[in-house]
Amino acid sequence: MAVPPVLAASSQIIKAADQAAYSRAAINPDHLIQAAARETRAAGIHDTHLETALHTLIDRGYLRHSSEETGQLVTDRTQRWTDSFARALTHPAHTNTQISEHIMRSGQFNRADPLSQPQRYTIIDISLSGGMDATLRALTEPRIKSTLIEPDHTHQSTLHPRVESQTITGWLRNAVQSIHRIDRNAIPSSQSVLFVRADALQSAHRALALTSAADKLHIPKVIILADPSRDRPADLPAVMAAIRAGAVSTLSAPARFNEPRHSENLSSRLLNAGPRLIDARGETAFMAAARLAESETRQLYAATPDHARQLDLAAAHNGQTYRSGAATLTQLYPISAHLADTRTGAGLRADDVLRLDTGRDGDRPTQFTLKSLDPLTGHLVVQDQGGKLATFNLNTLHDQGVRIQAFSTEKLPIKPGDPTRFHQSGSQIPAVIRSVSSEGISIRTDTGRDLTLTSAQAHQALTLDHTSSRIDPGKPAVSVALSHDRDQAGHFSPGAAAMAGARSGPFAEMKVATDNATAITRQSASLPKGTEKAMEETMNHSLQSSRDMNTPSRELDMGREK
């Protein structure tokens, strides 16, 4: 049977777009059609078919308008690569082995010195430190092996005897060979620092490949060197996304907010919270919040689902140095609607977890891991929790009224003392991990019951309970607000920073770790009309949920089963 021309054209456009995305920040739509046309003209496919296919792919979310550069396109894969890169750069794992666990826990490290910061990634604006040469001189030491990664097209041998320079392509090729040779659980045997010119990371695919290799090679410190006089923000969308997500950075990213039609001013509320807004320096705001939660015995409050994920990670890694082979629990977190569309399949990728709910009485939601997806037909290959493969069609599922939720996974390290929730017969029972061994995970519930779960049982029945969207009125809280946080309509959202401006009640005692308290206060002068009322409702709901939290349930709290 002959393939319809528009379908064939769509296939070639997706192929050409994916090829371009490997090396470019964004794609010119005219160039994309020209590239696809070279492959389709012989098959009798005309430009009108290609243009129709292009608009269809945009409507379905497989191609999207670039938020960084007007008139350019990005692929759905690029969006996910960018998000994964941002998550890598904000990951709180303590990888810098020069910083002891004691110093990390106390927070008494040199916050201004990237080499003294505990996390793997730091972005620096070299114009603030005298330019490239001065920055490298200041940050290289004879006893530490250093490598500078440069773009392929501008590679020059460095003049610094302590710095070896490589192209991004050459370094990635060598990294792949090294990864195959090393023990996957190896701990770094010597200190090394990787410097990366920001303009070597114009492609989100290249940027993610670099972080993936650096993580697998256990490189203790990666410093991204940005030069504002050379690097346009539009050429570095992945780096800008990481900064907006809260990465440790002395470089600023341009604000990207929609202006509200009708606004209200909440800056006075932010000024009231001022003494409790804490700028995190040399670490992410999430790391700062987790440390405050431990040192001041505060509960971790998440104002958004994404903050819940980041705070869970920070709490799980708080004060711990790199541990090879540490026991972990896999947690599920919802994939944002702007990254994946479960109606069309755009943005979904292998290893995402899909939860299917028919909505019929007596039917429990079923969970599958995505193995492959055909973007043109909606055909899915998935694997159930027992390891069996199954096939579905997205279009058919939606026609049948099946609700589909998409989740990504995060492995969180666990240790004795960690709070959890034990799921049993539709109830959630608070529990604490007592021990972790090869025999299993031992927990004690708040009812005094002791249980030992196998690894498989624990992954099914336990959820770490570091963070919540509920507030216990009897315990002070700490939360996070970022200067680039947006609501679903693209307006700036002050989140927990505005909540901390409450005049009374538990929110009035809350501390909030931020990346830039001054910017948050300034931007709160023009918020969508009704923001304060919506915030009060969220606060009341958080308090009410806390009062009801002992009611047996299996609700989705912030998108996580808690």
Protein backbone atom coordinates (compact mmCIF):
# COMPACT_ATOMS: atom_id res chain seq x y z
CA MET A 1 0.00 0.00 0.00
CA ALA A 2 1.38 3.42 -0.97
CA VAL A 3 2.22 5.78 1.90
CA PRO A 4 0.14 9.01 1.74
CA PRO A 5 2.34 11.92 0.54
CA VAL A 6 1.86 14.04 3.69
CA LEU A 7 2.76 11.08 5.93
CA ALA A 8 5.90 10.41 3.86
CA ALA A 9 6.75 14.12 3.99
CA SER A 10 6.29 14.10 7.81
CA SER A 11 8.69 11.19 8.11
CA GLN A 12 11.40 13.02 6.16
CA ILE A 13 10.90 16.28 8.07
CA ILE A 14 11.23 14.50 11.43
CA LYS A 15 14.38 12.77 10.16
CA ALA A 16 15.89 16.03 8.92
CA ALA A 17 14.92 17.91 12.11
CA ASP A 18 16.45 15.27 14.38
CA GLN A 19 19.64 15.30 12.31
CA ALA A 20 19.89 19.09 12.55
CA ALA A 21 19.16 19.07 16.30
CA TYR A 22 22.31 17.07 17.00
CA SER A 23 24.49 20.07 16.20
CA ARG A 24 22.31 23.21 16.31
CA ALA A 25 20.50 25.22 18.96
CA ALA A 26 17.49 25.83 16.70
CA ILE A 27 16.33 25.06 13.17
CA ASN A 28 15.31 27.39 10.36
CA PRO A 29 11.99 26.06 8.96
CA ASP A 30 12.92 26.98 5.37
CA HIS A 31 16.18 25.05 5.67
CA LEU A 32 14.26 22.14 7.16
CA ILE A 33 11.89 21.94 4.18
CA GLN A 34 14.83 22.22 1.77
CA ALA A 35 16.64 19.35 3.51
CA ALA A 36 13.51 17.15 3.45
CA ALA A 37 12.79 18.07 -0.20
CA ARG A 38 16.13 16.69 -1.35
CA GLU A 39 15.03 13.25 -0.11
CA THR A 40 11.40 13.32 -1.25
CA ARG A 41 11.24 14.88 -4.72
CA ALA A 42 12.09 11.60 -6.44
CA ALA A 43 9.08 10.03 -4.70
CA GLY A 44 6.68 12.61 -6.16
CA ILE A 45 6.25 14.57 -2.89
CA HIS A 46 5.84 18.29 -3.52
CA ASP A 47 6.58 21.40 -1.45
CA THR A 48 2.88 21.75 -0.61
CA HIS A 49 2.98 18.30 1.01
CA LEU A 50 6.09 19.28 2.97
CA GLU A 51 4.54 22.55 4.16
CA THR A 52 1.36 20.74 5.24
CA ALA A 53 3.44 18.14 7.05
CA LEU A 54 5.49 20.86 8.78
CA HIS A 55 2.38 22.61 10.15
CA THR A 56 0.90 19.27 11.23
CA LEU A 57 4.05 18.38 13.17
CA ILE A 58 3.99 21.81 14.85
CA ASP A 59 0.31 21.34 15.78
CA ARG A 60 1.09 17.90 17.23
CA GLY A 61 4.06 19.19 19.25
CA TYR A 62 6.85 17.30 17.50
CA LEU A 63 8.22 20.63 16.31
CA ARG A 64 7.89 23.73 18.47
CA HIS A 65 8.59 27.42 18.10
CA SER A 66 11.84 28.36 19.79
CA SER A 67 11.36 30.46 22.93
CA GLU A 68 14.88 31.85 22.51
CA GLU A 69 14.85 32.94 18.86
CA THR A 70 11.86 34.19 16.89
CA GLY A 71 11.11 32.32 13.68
CA GLN A 72 13.18 29.26 14.59
CA LEU A 73 12.01 25.76 15.51
CA VAL A 74 13.17 23.13 17.99
CA THR A 75 12.25 19.45 18.15
CA ASP A 76 10.41 17.78 21.01
CA ARG A 77 13.58 15.77 21.60
CA THR A 78 15.56 19.00 21.99
CA GLN A 79 13.12 20.12 24.69
CA ARG A 80 13.67 16.92 26.65
CA TRP A 81 17.45 17.04 26.14
CA THR A 82 17.46 20.63 27.39
CA ASP A 83 15.42 19.68 30.45
CA SER A 84 17.73 16.74 31.23
CA PHE A 85 20.80 18.98 30.87
CA ALA A 86 19.27 21.51 33.28
CA ARG A 87 18.56 18.71 35.76
CA ALA A 88 22.18 17.53 35.50
CA LEU A 89 23.50 21.02 36.23
CA THR A 90 21.21 21.44 39.25
CA HIS A 91 21.85 17.94 40.65
CA PRO A 92 22.82 18.23 44.34
CA ALA A 93 25.14 15.22 44.59
CA HIS A 94 28.32 16.05 46.51
CA THR A 95 30.93 15.06 43.91
CA ASN A 96 33.77 17.47 44.68
CA THR A 97 35.93 15.26 46.88
CA GLN A 98 38.10 18.21 47.95
CA ILE A 99 35.20 19.30 50.16
CA SER A 100 34.72 17.08 53.20
CA GLU A 101 31.34 15.84 54.38
CA HIS A 102 31.75 17.86 57.59
CA ILE A 103 32.37 21.11 55.67
CA MET A 104 29.46 20.34 53.37
CA ARG A 105 27.06 19.78 56.26
CA SER A 106 28.17 22.97 58.02
CA GLY A 107 27.90 25.05 54.86
CA GLN A 108 31.27 26.64 55.69
CA PHE A 109 32.85 26.18 52.24
CA ASN A 110 34.26 29.04 50.16
CA ARG A 111 31.13 29.93 48.20
CA ALA A 112 32.93 32.35 45.85
CA ASP A 113 35.44 29.74 44.67
CA PRO A 114 34.04 27.23 42.13
CA LEU A 115 36.76 24.73 43.11
CA SER A 116 35.45 24.79 46.70
CA GLN A 117 31.80 24.26 45.82
CA PRO A 118 30.52 20.74 46.57
CA GLN A 119 28.37 20.03 43.50
CA ARG A 120 29.72 18.91 40.12
CA TYR A 121 28.62 21.84 37.91
CA THR A 122 29.20 25.60 38.09
CA ILE A 123 28.64 28.24 35.39
CA ILE A 124 30.79 31.35 35.58
CA ASP A 125 30.77 34.66 33.73
CA ILE A 126 34.44 35.13 32.80
CA SER A 127 33.96 38.87 32.24
CA LEU A 128 33.69 39.17 36.05
CA SER A 129 37.11 37.56 36.54
CA GLY A 130 39.21 39.28 33.88
CA GLY A 131 38.48 37.12 30.83
CA MET A 132 39.41 33.60 29.75
CA ASP A 133 43.17 33.68 30.43
CA ALA A 134 42.84 35.29 33.86
CA THR A 135 40.05 32.89 34.84
CA LEU A 136 42.04 29.80 33.86
CA ARG A 137 45.12 31.09 35.70
CA ALA A 138 43.05 31.65 38.85
CA LEU A 139 41.32 28.27 38.74
CA THR A 140 44.14 25.89 37.75
CA GLU A 141 46.55 24.30 40.19
CA PRO A 142 49.69 22.21 39.52
CA ARG A 143 48.35 19.19 41.43
CA ILE A 144 45.00 19.12 39.65
CA LYS A 145 44.65 17.82 36.10
CA SER A 146 42.64 20.28 34.00
CA THR A 147 41.13 20.02 30.53
CA LEU A 148 39.53 22.80 28.47
CA ILE A 149 36.84 21.80 25.97
CA GLU A 150 36.36 24.17 23.04
CA PRO A 151 34.00 24.29 20.03
CA ASP A 152 35.14 22.32 17.02
CA HIS A 153 35.32 25.37 14.74
CA THR A 154 37.36 27.64 17.06
CA HIS A 155 39.73 25.18 18.68
CA GLN A 156 43.11 26.65 19.61
CA SER A 157 45.81 25.11 21.75
CA THR A 158 45.76 26.73 25.16
CA LEU A 159 48.80 28.70 26.28
CA HIS A 160 48.43 27.41 29.84
CA PRO A 161 50.89 24.59 30.58
CA ARG A 162 48.56 23.11 33.22
CA VAL A 163 45.55 22.95 30.86
CA GLU A 164 45.11 20.45 28.04
CA SER A 165 42.66 21.64 25.35
CA GLN A 166 40.40 19.40 23.26
CA THR A 167 37.53 19.91 20.86
CA ILE A 168 34.08 18.91 22.06
CA THR A 169 33.88 16.17 19.41
CA GLY A 170 37.32 14.80 20.30
CA TRP A 171 36.62 14.84 24.04
CA LEU A 172 33.26 13.07 23.65
CA ARG A 173 34.86 10.40 21.44
CA ASN A 174 37.62 9.79 24.01
CA ALA A 175 35.08 9.83 26.85
CA VAL A 176 33.02 7.06 25.26
CA GLN A 177 36.13 4.88 24.99
CA SER A 178 37.06 5.60 28.62
CA ILE A 179 33.54 4.78 29.87
CA HIS A 180 33.76 1.34 28.26
CA ARG A 181 37.07 0.68 30.04
CA ILE A 182 36.32 1.81 33.60
CA ASP A 183 34.45 0.02 36.36
CA ARG A 184 30.96 1.53 36.42
CA ASN A 185 31.13 1.80 40.24
CA ALA A 186 34.61 3.30 40.31
CA ILE A 187 35.32 6.23 42.59
CA PRO A 188 37.57 8.92 41.05
CA SER A 189 41.16 8.12 41.99
CA SER A 190 42.56 11.62 41.37
CA GLN A 191 41.30 15.17 41.28
CA SER A 192 40.45 16.58 37.89
CA VAL A 193 38.65 19.67 36.64
CA LEU A 194 36.90 19.98 33.31
CA PHE A 195 36.55 23.49 31.87
CA VAL A 196 34.02 23.88 29.06
CA ARG A 197 33.55 26.91 26.87
CA ALA A 198 29.83 27.65 26.84
CA ASP A 199 29.75 28.05 23.06
CA ALA A 200 30.77 24.38 22.74
CA LEU A 201 27.31 23.58 24.14
CA GLN A 202 25.08 25.25 21.56
CA SER A 203 23.36 21.97 20.77
CA ALA A 204 21.27 20.53 23.62
CA HIS A 205 22.23 17.05 22.42
CA ARG A 206 25.96 17.86 22.72
CA ALA A 207 25.39 19.53 26.10
CA LEU A 208 23.58 16.48 27.48
CA ALA A 209 26.17 14.10 26.02
CA LEU A 210 28.88 16.01 27.89
CA THR A 211 27.09 15.88 31.26
CA SER A 212 26.26 12.21 30.78
CA ALA A 213 29.92 11.40 30.12
CA ALA A 214 31.16 13.59 33.00
CA ASP A 215 28.79 11.83 35.39
CA LYS A 216 29.81 8.34 34.23
CA LEU A 217 33.50 9.25 34.44
CA HIS A 218 32.93 10.62 37.98
CA ILE A 219 34.64 13.92 37.15
CA PRO A 220 34.52 15.85 40.45
CA LYS A 221 34.18 19.36 39.00
CA VAL A 222 32.94 20.76 35.67
CA ILE A 223 33.12 24.53 35.18
CA ILE A 224 31.31 26.11 32.22
CA LEU A 225 33.00 29.33 31.06
CA ALA A 226 30.62 31.87 29.49
CA ASP A 227 31.69 35.11 27.84
CA PRO A 228 28.75 37.54 27.45
CA SER A 229 30.66 39.52 24.81
CA ARG A 230 30.85 36.38 22.64
CA ASP A 231 27.97 34.14 23.66
CA ARG A 232 24.43 35.19 22.68
CA PRO A 233 21.78 33.72 25.03
CA ALA A 234 19.82 32.60 21.95
CA ASP A 235 22.80 30.43 20.92
CA LEU A 236 22.97 28.74 24.35
CA PRO A 237 19.40 27.64 25.12
CA ALA A 238 20.49 24.65 27.22
CA VAL A 239 22.82 26.74 29.38
CA MET A 240 20.11 29.41 29.79
CA ALA A 241 17.60 26.72 30.79
CA ALA A 242 19.99 25.43 33.44
CA ILE A 243 20.43 28.92 34.91
CA ARG A 244 16.66 29.44 34.99
CA ALA A 245 16.29 26.05 36.72
CA GLY A 246 18.57 27.23 39.53
CA ALA A 247 22.07 26.06 38.53
CA VAL A 248 24.96 27.66 40.42
CA SER A 249 25.96 30.52 38.14
CA THR A 250 27.47 33.99 38.11
CA LEU A 251 26.04 34.41 34.59
CA SER A 252 22.49 35.75 34.31
CA ALA A 253 19.82 34.48 31.93
CA PRO A 254 17.37 36.92 30.34
CA ALA A 255 13.95 36.94 32.03
CA ARG A 256 11.28 35.25 29.94
CA PHE A 257 7.85 36.15 31.28
CA ASN A 258 4.53 37.05 29.71
CA GLU A 259 3.22 40.40 30.88
CA PRO A 260 -0.18 40.16 32.63
CA ARG A 261 -3.09 42.08 31.12
CA HIS A 262 -4.35 43.13 34.53
CA SER A 263 -1.81 43.19 37.31
CA GLU A 264 -1.48 43.51 41.05
CA ASN A 265 1.53 44.47 43.16
CA LEU A 266 2.73 42.01 45.81
CA SER A 267 6.17 43.54 46.37
CA SER A 268 5.18 44.80 49.85
CA ARG A 269 4.34 41.21 50.79
CA LEU A 270 7.79 40.15 49.62
CA LEU A 271 9.39 42.94 51.63
CA ASN A 272 7.59 41.60 54.71
CA ALA A 273 9.19 38.21 54.02
CA GLY A 274 12.57 39.83 53.31
CA PRO A 275 14.50 38.72 56.43
CA ARG A 276 13.53 35.10 55.74
CA LEU A 277 14.48 35.12 52.03
CA ILE A 278 17.96 33.62 51.88
CA ASP A 279 20.12 33.93 48.78
CA ALA A 280 21.98 30.68 48.17
CA ARG A 281 25.54 31.32 46.99
CA GLY A 282 27.88 28.64 45.67
CA GLU A 283 25.14 26.00 45.87
CA THR A 284 21.61 25.63 44.53
CA ALA A 285 18.68 27.03 46.49
CA PHE A 286 17.42 23.44 46.87
CA MET A 287 20.69 22.36 48.51
CA ALA A 288 20.52 25.35 50.87
CA ALA A 289 16.91 24.53 51.80
CA ALA A 290 17.72 20.87 52.51
CA ARG A 291 20.60 21.83 54.78
CA LEU A 292 18.40 24.34 56.66
CA ALA A 293 15.74 21.66 57.06
CA GLU A 294 18.27 19.39 58.75
CA SER A 295 20.16 21.93 60.84
CA GLU A 296 17.07 23.81 62.08
CA THR A 297 14.66 20.82 62.14
CA ARG A 298 12.34 22.36 59.57
CA GLN A 299 9.88 20.62 57.26
CA LEU A 300 10.57 20.89 53.51
CA TYR A 301 7.63 22.53 51.74
CA ALA A 302 7.35 22.34 47.93
CA ALA A 303 5.28 25.02 46.22
CA THR A 304 5.37 23.30 42.80
CA PRO A 305 5.73 19.71 41.51
CA ASP A 306 9.13 20.48 40.00
CA HIS A 307 10.34 21.94 43.29
CA ALA A 308 9.17 18.74 45.01
CA ARG A 309 11.47 16.70 42.80
CA GLN A 310 14.44 19.00 43.35
CA LEU A 311 13.91 19.20 47.11
CA ASP A 312 13.56 15.42 47.37
CA LEU A 313 16.89 15.06 45.54
CA ALA A 314 18.60 17.68 47.71
CA ALA A 315 17.33 16.11 50.94
CA ALA A 316 18.37 12.62 49.83
CA HIS A 317 21.90 13.80 48.98
CA ASN A 318 22.27 16.32 51.82
CA GLY A 319 25.61 16.01 53.60
CA GLN A 320 26.60 12.81 51.81
CA THR A 321 29.80 12.41 49.84
CA TYR A 322 29.83 10.27 46.70
CA ARG A 323 28.98 6.67 47.60
CA SER A 324 29.59 3.94 45.05
CA GLY A 325 26.80 1.40 44.88
CA ALA A 326 24.62 3.21 47.44
CA ALA A 327 21.13 1.76 47.89
CA THR A 328 18.44 3.72 46.07
CA LEU A 329 14.69 3.93 45.66
CA THR A 330 13.21 4.87 42.30
CA GLN A 331 10.62 7.63 42.57
CA LEU A 332 8.18 8.84 39.90
CA TYR A 333 7.71 12.51 39.02
CA PRO A 334 5.21 13.93 36.51
CA ILE A 335 6.59 15.16 33.19
CA SER A 336 5.49 18.76 32.57
CA ALA A 337 2.84 19.25 29.90
CA HIS A 338 5.13 21.58 27.95
CA LEU A 339 7.66 18.74 27.61
CA ALA A 340 5.41 15.82 26.70
CA ASP A 341 1.93 15.45 25.21
CA THR A 342 0.30 12.12 26.00
CA ARG A 343 -2.38 12.82 23.38
CA THR A 344 0.02 12.90 20.42
CA GLY A 345 3.12 11.26 21.95
CA ALA A 346 5.28 14.32 21.33
CA GLY A 347 8.07 14.55 23.88
CA LEU A 348 7.67 10.99 25.16
CA ARG A 349 10.84 8.91 25.09
CA ALA A 350 12.07 5.46 26.01
CA ASP A 351 12.08 4.69 29.76
CA ASP A 352 9.31 7.17 30.56
CA VAL A 353 6.67 5.59 32.78
CA LEU A 354 3.05 5.71 31.55
CA ARG A 355 0.13 5.27 33.92
CA LEU A 356 -3.11 4.24 32.18
CA ASP A 357 -6.45 4.73 33.93
CA THR A 358 -9.69 3.59 32.26
CA GLY A 359 -11.78 5.42 34.85
CA ARG A 360 -14.06 2.42 35.17
CA ASP A 361 -15.22 1.24 38.60
CA GLY A 362 -13.07 -1.60 39.86
CA ASP A 363 -10.21 -0.89 37.42
CA ARG A 364 -6.93 0.09 39.04
CA PRO A 365 -4.50 2.23 37.04
CA THR A 366 -1.85 0.15 35.29
CA GLN A 367 1.77 1.19 34.91
CA PHE A 368 4.11 0.57 31.97
CA THR A 369 7.61 1.57 30.91
CA LEU A 370 7.77 3.00 27.39
CA LYS A 371 10.16 1.11 25.11
CA SER A 372 9.42 2.73 21.72
CA LEU A 373 6.97 5.09 20.00
CA ASP A 374 6.18 5.68 16.33
CA PRO A 375 5.40 9.44 16.13
CA LEU A 376 3.48 9.10 12.88
CA THR A 377 1.11 6.28 13.83
CA GLY A 378 1.00 6.60 17.63
CA HIS A 379 2.03 2.94 17.99
CA LEU A 380 3.57 2.19 21.42
CA VAL A 381 5.64 -0.72 22.68
CA VAL A 382 5.62 -0.86 26.49
CA GLN A 383 6.75 -3.19 29.25
CA ASP A 384 4.64 -3.96 32.31
CA GLN A 385 6.00 -4.28 35.85
CA GLY A 386 6.33 -8.03 35.39
CA GLY A 387 8.61 -7.58 32.38
CA LYS A 388 6.08 -8.53 29.69
CA LEU A 389 5.91 -6.48 26.48
CA ALA A 390 2.62 -5.10 25.19
CA THR A 391 1.54 -2.84 22.32
CA PHE A 392 -0.97 0.01 22.32
CA ASN A 393 -2.03 2.80 20.04
CA LEU A 394 -2.26 6.27 21.55
CA ASN A 395 -5.10 7.32 19.28
CA THR A 396 -7.15 4.23 20.16
CA LEU A 397 -6.55 4.69 23.91
CA HIS A 398 -7.76 8.27 23.79
CA ASP A 399 -10.79 7.34 21.70
CA GLN A 400 -11.66 4.84 24.46
CA GLY A 401 -11.39 7.55 27.12
CA VAL A 402 -8.28 6.14 28.80
CA ARG A 403 -6.44 8.76 30.86
CA ILE A 404 -2.68 8.67 30.38
CA GLN A 405 -0.13 10.26 32.70
CA ALA A 406 3.59 10.40 31.91
CA PHE A 407 6.32 10.24 34.54
CA SER A 408 10.09 10.26 34.56
CA THR A 409 12.09 8.38 37.16
CA GLU A 410 14.67 9.53 39.69
CA LYS A 411 16.87 7.25 41.78
CA LEU A 412 17.22 8.67 45.29
CA PRO A 413 19.85 7.34 47.70
CA ILE A 414 18.40 6.00 50.94
CA LYS A 415 19.84 5.63 54.43
CA PRO A 416 18.63 4.74 57.93
CA GLY A 417 16.45 7.46 59.39
CA ASP A 418 14.89 8.54 56.10
CA PRO A 419 11.13 9.21 56.37
CA THR A 420 8.90 7.19 54.03
CA ARG A 421 5.30 6.27 53.37
CA PHE A 422 4.39 2.60 53.18
CA HIS A 423 1.53 1.87 50.76
CA GLN A 424 -0.72 -0.98 51.85
CA SER A 425 -4.32 -1.75 50.85
CA GLY A 426 -5.00 1.78 49.67
CA SER A 427 -3.58 3.39 52.81
CA GLN A 428 -0.40 5.40 53.28
CA ILE A 429 1.35 4.63 56.54
CA PRO A 430 4.19 6.91 57.74
CA ALA A 431 7.35 4.91 58.41
CA VAL A 432 11.10 5.33 58.94
CA ILE A 433 13.89 3.31 57.31
CA ARG A 434 15.74 1.42 60.05
CA SER A 435 18.42 -0.35 58.02
CA VAL A 436 19.51 -1.06 54.44
CA SER A 437 21.35 -4.31 53.64
CA SER A 438 21.69 -7.03 51.04
CA GLU A 439 18.78 -8.77 52.76
CA GLY A 440 16.42 -5.88 52.13
CA ILE A 441 15.13 -2.64 53.57
CA SER A 442 13.88 -2.67 57.13
CA ILE A 443 11.26 -0.08 58.14
CA ARG A 444 9.26 0.75 61.26
CA THR A 445 5.79 2.23 60.79
CA ASP A 446 4.38 4.88 63.09
CA THR A 447 2.09 2.17 64.47
CA GLY A 448 5.22 0.37 65.79
CA ARG A 449 5.21 -2.42 63.23
CA ASP A 450 8.63 -3.64 61.96
CA LEU A 451 8.87 -4.87 58.35
CA THR A 452 11.66 -6.03 56.08
CA LEU A 453 11.03 -5.55 52.36
CA THR A 454 12.96 -6.98 49.45
CA SER A 455 14.30 -4.46 46.95
CA ALA A 456 11.43 -5.23 44.55
CA GLN A 457 8.84 -4.88 47.32
CA ALA A 458 10.36 -1.59 48.49
CA HIS A 459 10.21 -0.10 44.99
CA GLN A 460 6.51 -1.00 44.83
CA ALA A 461 5.46 -0.09 48.36
CA LEU A 462 7.73 2.71 49.63
CA THR A 463 7.80 6.41 48.80
CA LEU A 464 10.39 8.70 50.35
CA ASP A 465 8.74 11.45 52.34
CA HIS A 466 11.39 14.18 52.50
CA THR A 467 9.16 16.84 50.97
CA SER A 468 5.47 17.70 51.02
CA SER A 469 2.96 20.21 49.69
CA ARG A 470 1.37 20.10 53.15
CA ILE A 471 2.33 22.27 56.10
CA ASP A 472 2.33 20.98 59.66
CA PRO A 473 1.25 24.06 61.67
CA GLY A 474 3.29 22.90 64.63
CA LYS A 475 6.64 22.81 62.86
CA PRO A 476 8.59 25.60 61.08
CA ALA A 477 9.10 25.12 57.34
CA VAL A 478 11.66 25.93 54.68
CA SER A 479 10.98 26.17 50.96
CA VAL A 480 12.44 27.44 47.68
CA ALA A 481 11.55 30.21 45.21
CA LEU A 482 13.48 30.98 42.03
CA SER A 483 13.63 34.27 40.13
CA HIS A 484 12.71 32.51 36.86
CA ASP A 485 9.72 30.50 38.17
CA ARG A 486 6.65 30.82 35.92
CA ASP A 487 3.02 29.80 36.16
CA GLN A 488 1.26 27.84 33.41
CA ALA A 489 0.42 31.05 31.55
CA GLY A 490 4.08 32.11 31.48
CA HIS A 491 3.78 34.88 34.10
CA PHE A 492 6.32 35.24 36.88
CA SER A 493 5.33 33.29 40.00
CA PRO A 494 6.86 34.25 43.38
CA GLY A 495 5.56 31.00 44.91
CA ALA A 496 6.78 30.31 48.42
CA ALA A 497 8.51 33.70 48.64
CA ALA A 498 5.11 35.44 48.62
CA MET A 499 3.64 32.83 50.98
CA ALA A 500 6.37 33.68 53.48
CA GLY A 501 5.01 37.23 53.49
CA ALA A 502 1.94 36.09 55.45
CA ARG A 503 1.32 38.25 58.53
CA SER A 504 0.51 35.32 60.80
CA GLY A 505 0.34 31.53 60.92
CA PRO A 506 2.95 28.90 60.02
CA PHE A 507 3.79 30.49 56.65
CA ALA A 508 4.88 33.66 58.49
CA GLU A 509 7.67 31.61 60.11
CA MET A 510 8.80 29.94 56.88
CA LYS A 511 12.29 30.50 55.49
CA VAL A 512 12.75 30.52 51.72
CA ALA A 513 16.01 29.77 49.89
CA THR A 514 16.30 31.70 46.62
CA ASP A 515 18.70 32.30 43.75
CA ASN A 516 18.01 36.06 43.76
CA ALA A 517 15.72 37.56 46.41
CA THR A 518 16.10 41.08 44.97
CA ALA A 519 14.85 40.00 41.53
CA ILE A 520 11.94 38.06 43.06
CA THR A 521 10.83 41.12 45.03
CA ARG A 522 11.18 43.42 42.00
CA GLN A 523 9.27 41.09 39.69
CA SER A 524 6.45 40.73 42.22
CA ALA A 525 5.42 44.33 41.51
CA SER A 526 3.53 43.16 38.39
CA LEU A 527 1.69 39.88 38.85
CA PRO A 528 -1.57 38.69 37.28
CA LYS A 529 -4.69 39.96 39.00
CA GLY A 530 -5.87 37.35 41.49
CA THR A 531 -2.40 35.99 42.33
CA GLU A 532 -2.69 36.83 46.02
CA LYS A 533 -6.12 35.25 46.34
CA ALA A 534 -4.92 32.07 44.57
CA MET A 535 -1.90 31.97 46.88
CA GLU A 536 -4.10 32.24 49.97
CA GLU A 537 -6.22 29.35 48.68
CA THR A 538 -3.07 27.24 48.14
CA MET A 539 -1.89 28.02 51.66
CA ASN A 540 -5.27 27.12 53.17
CA HIS A 541 -5.33 23.89 51.15
CA SER A 542 -1.82 23.01 52.36
CA LEU A 543 -2.91 23.45 55.98
CA GLN A 544 -6.17 21.53 55.46
CA SER A 545 -4.32 18.69 53.72
CA SER A 546 -1.99 18.49 56.70
CA ARG A 547 -4.94 18.09 59.08
CA ASP A 548 -6.40 15.36 56.84
CA MET A 549 -3.13 13.55 56.14
CA ASN A 550 -3.89 10.64 58.49
CA THR A 551 -6.99 9.74 56.50
CA PRO A 552 -6.30 6.49 54.55
CA SER A 553 -5.86 7.43 50.91
CA ARG A 554 -3.65 6.99 47.87
CA GLU A 555 -3.83 10.53 46.56
CA LEU A 556 -1.33 12.04 44.16
CA ASP A 557 0.51 14.70 46.15
CA MET A 558 2.43 17.04 43.83
CA GLY A 559 2.26 14.27 41.22
CA ARG A 560 3.97 11.75 43.48
CA GLU A 561 2.24 8.95 45.31
CA LYS A 562 2.56 10.01 48.93
